[in-house]
Amino acid sequence: MIYRLILAGLLWTFLAKRMLCSA
């Protein structure tokens, strides 16, 4: 369960960085 939370967090931070970079 905790593993999934960590993976989700990394995925969201990655997506956020990509959006900020492309914006």
N, C-alpha and C. Protein backbone atom coordinates (compact mmCIF):
# COMPACT_ATOMS: atom_id res chain seq x y z
N MET A 1 0.84 -1.20 0.00
CA MET A 1 0.00 0.00 0.00
C MET A 1 0.88 1.26 0.00
N ILE A 2 1.84 1.30 0.92
CA ILE A 2 2.74 2.47 0.99
C ILE A 2 3.53 2.59 -0.31
N TYR A 3 3.90 1.42 -0.86
CA TYR A 3 4.66 1.41 -2.11
C TYR A 3 3.90 2.12 -3.22
N ARG A 4 2.59 1.82 -3.28
CA ARG A 4 1.76 2.43 -4.32
C ARG A 4 1.67 3.94 -4.12
N LEU A 5 1.60 4.38 -2.87
CA LEU A 5 1.52 5.82 -2.59
C LEU A 5 2.78 6.52 -3.07
N ILE A 6 3.93 5.89 -2.81
CA ILE A 6 5.22 6.47 -3.22
C ILE A 6 5.29 6.55 -4.74
N LEU A 7 4.89 5.46 -5.40
CA LEU A 7 4.93 5.44 -6.87
C LEU A 7 3.99 6.50 -7.43
N ALA A 8 2.81 6.63 -6.84
CA ALA A 8 1.85 7.63 -7.31
C ALA A 8 2.43 9.03 -7.13
N GLY A 9 3.09 9.27 -6.00
CA GLY A 9 3.68 10.58 -5.73
C GLY A 9 4.75 10.92 -6.77
N LEU A 10 5.60 9.94 -7.07
CA LEU A 10 6.66 10.17 -8.05
C LEU A 10 6.06 10.45 -9.42
N LEU A 11 5.01 9.70 -9.77
CA LEU A 11 4.37 9.88 -11.07
C LEU A 11 3.76 11.27 -11.18
N TRP A 12 3.07 11.71 -10.13
CA TRP A 12 2.44 13.03 -10.16
C TRP A 12 3.48 14.14 -10.22
N THR A 13 4.57 14.00 -9.47
CA THR A 13 5.61 15.04 -9.48
C THR A 13 6.25 15.10 -10.87
N PHE A 14 6.42 13.92 -11.49
CA PHE A 14 7.01 13.85 -12.83
C PHE A 14 6.09 14.55 -13.83
N LEU A 15 4.79 14.26 -13.73
CA LEU A 15 3.83 14.87 -14.65
C LEU A 15 3.79 16.39 -14.43
N ALA A 16 3.82 16.81 -13.18
CA ALA A 16 3.76 18.24 -12.87
C ALA A 16 4.98 18.96 -13.46
N LYS A 17 6.15 18.36 -13.30
CA LYS A 17 7.38 18.97 -13.83
C LYS A 17 7.29 19.07 -15.35
N ARG A 18 6.76 18.02 -15.99
CA ARG A 18 6.65 18.02 -17.45
C ARG A 18 5.71 19.14 -17.90
N MET A 19 4.59 19.28 -17.20
CA MET A 19 3.61 20.31 -17.57
C MET A 19 4.22 21.70 -17.41
N LEU A 20 4.96 21.90 -16.30
CA LEU A 20 5.57 23.21 -16.05
C LEU A 20 6.64 23.51 -17.11
N CYS A 21 7.38 22.48 -17.49
CA CYS A 21 8.46 22.67 -18.47
C CYS A 21 7.88 22.99 -19.85
N SER A 22 6.83 22.27 -20.24
CA SER A 22 6.25 22.46 -21.57
C SER A 22 5.42 23.74 -21.62
N ALA A 23 4.91 24.18 -20.47
CA ALA A 23 4.06 25.38 -20.45
C ALA A 23 4.90 26.63 -20.71
